[in-house]
Amino acid sequence: MDDFALNRIFVKGEVGSCKYHSSGHIYFTLKDSGSAIRAVMFAADRKAGLTFRLAEGMEVIVYGSVSVYERSGEYQLYAKQIVTDGAGALYAQFEKLKKKLEEEGLFDPAHKKPIPKFPKKLGVVTASTGAAVHDIISVSTRRDPYIQIVFRAAAVQGDGAAESVAAGIRELDEYGVDVIIAGRGGGSLEDLWAFNEEVLARAIYECRTPVISAVGHETDFTIADFAADLRAPTPSAAAELAVPDIMAVFDRLDSAKEALELHMGRKLSENRDKLARYQALLKARSPRSMLEHKRQLLAGSRDKLELLMDHRITDSRRHAADCADRIGVLMDMELTRTKGRMSVCVRTIEGLSPMRQLERGYAYVTSAGGQAVTSVSEAERGDRINIAVTDGNLEAEVISSAPRI
């Protein structure tokens, strides 16, 4: 349809049946006392056009367009924006306060305090009736049976609710707890307005104890969410964020203990082996060990030297004996040859000896002066001469001499 009036309209009414589809679309009926119209808000329009969770019974104002749904031939309202009846002024007030506090630094991440990992005392500020307090207690004690919960009842809706919650936070901060959960269940913008008050935001900001805001459903954001140290989408989720699953922690500790013992066992074994190697190395390099090693080397060298000397002496004796035998043989041979040569010489000398000549009848004549007389001219008549024969000497006088013809 191209009717301008039906393309940009506001429709006020009560939400009838309401269904959130898995695709993200919302299908609902908008009705008053005498009529009703089917409506749909597509997932693409939800982020900018819906700031709360739509539920049956809410009084809302829907901005969008009307067209015919061809399959059924019925008129259908296509919602672009949905606000609660009377929420326009409140939303403007919300944005104004949010901007003011943001400029003052109340939402600065640098101011956020860390949530303790293992709190012993959990502070809870919420209404004494309703599902929020029961959900927080149930989830907290299930996750940690030893947690101590300090509950401070407060009004969470209506006049004075913001002051009541703020006072509860201050009291628990003074009392001394490890972490504080402040919140309530979901509702309309008007129902949750106490958590959009400046007095509560400043109480959260000034609190020394970490504060977890737990207001409404997942799509509901409040000024308290921005001021808190941590935001939880629901009271149950806040309890899960604040209180650790102690049994899971114990399981992790047991696993860590086993892993640590195994690691320590391996390290101990490695260090023992290393120590044994160092001890062996130290023993091998100690002066005593080195001296003992040198002594063993010296003893071995001495034994080798003695054995070598014995071998050398034995070889020398054997060599000397061989040499003596050879020398004996050579001496015998030389003696034999010498005896032979001497025998020849003796025979030669004997053959040349004057005595041999004398034995054959020859004589040896010398003058009175002992000079040999070998010629008749050497003796004259009347000279005295000495004639040597084989068995003695004869003295004679030369009577005459005649040369041999």
Foldseek 3Di string as FASTA:
>chain_A
DPPPDQFWDKDKAFWADWDQDPQRKIWTWGDHPPDIATEIEHNVLCVPAPQADDDGGFTKMFTGGWDADVVVRGIYGYGNHIAGVVCPVVVVVLVVLLVVVVVVPLLPLVLFDDFDPAWQEEEEEEAPDDVLVVLLVVLQCQLPVRHHYDYDHAQQADPCRLVRSLVSLVVCLVVDTQEYEYEHEADHCRGRCSQQDPSNLVSQSPRPHAYEYAYYAQSHDHSNCSNGSHYDRHSNRVSPVNHHNVVVVVVVVVVVVVVVVVVVVVVVVVVVVVVVVVVVVCCCPPPVNVVVVVVVVVVVVVVVVVVVVVVVVVVVVVVVVVVVVVVVVVVVVVVVVVVVVVVVVVVVCCVVPVLVVLVVPDKWKAFPVRHTDDFLVVAAAQGWMWIHHNPGIDIDGHHHDDGDD
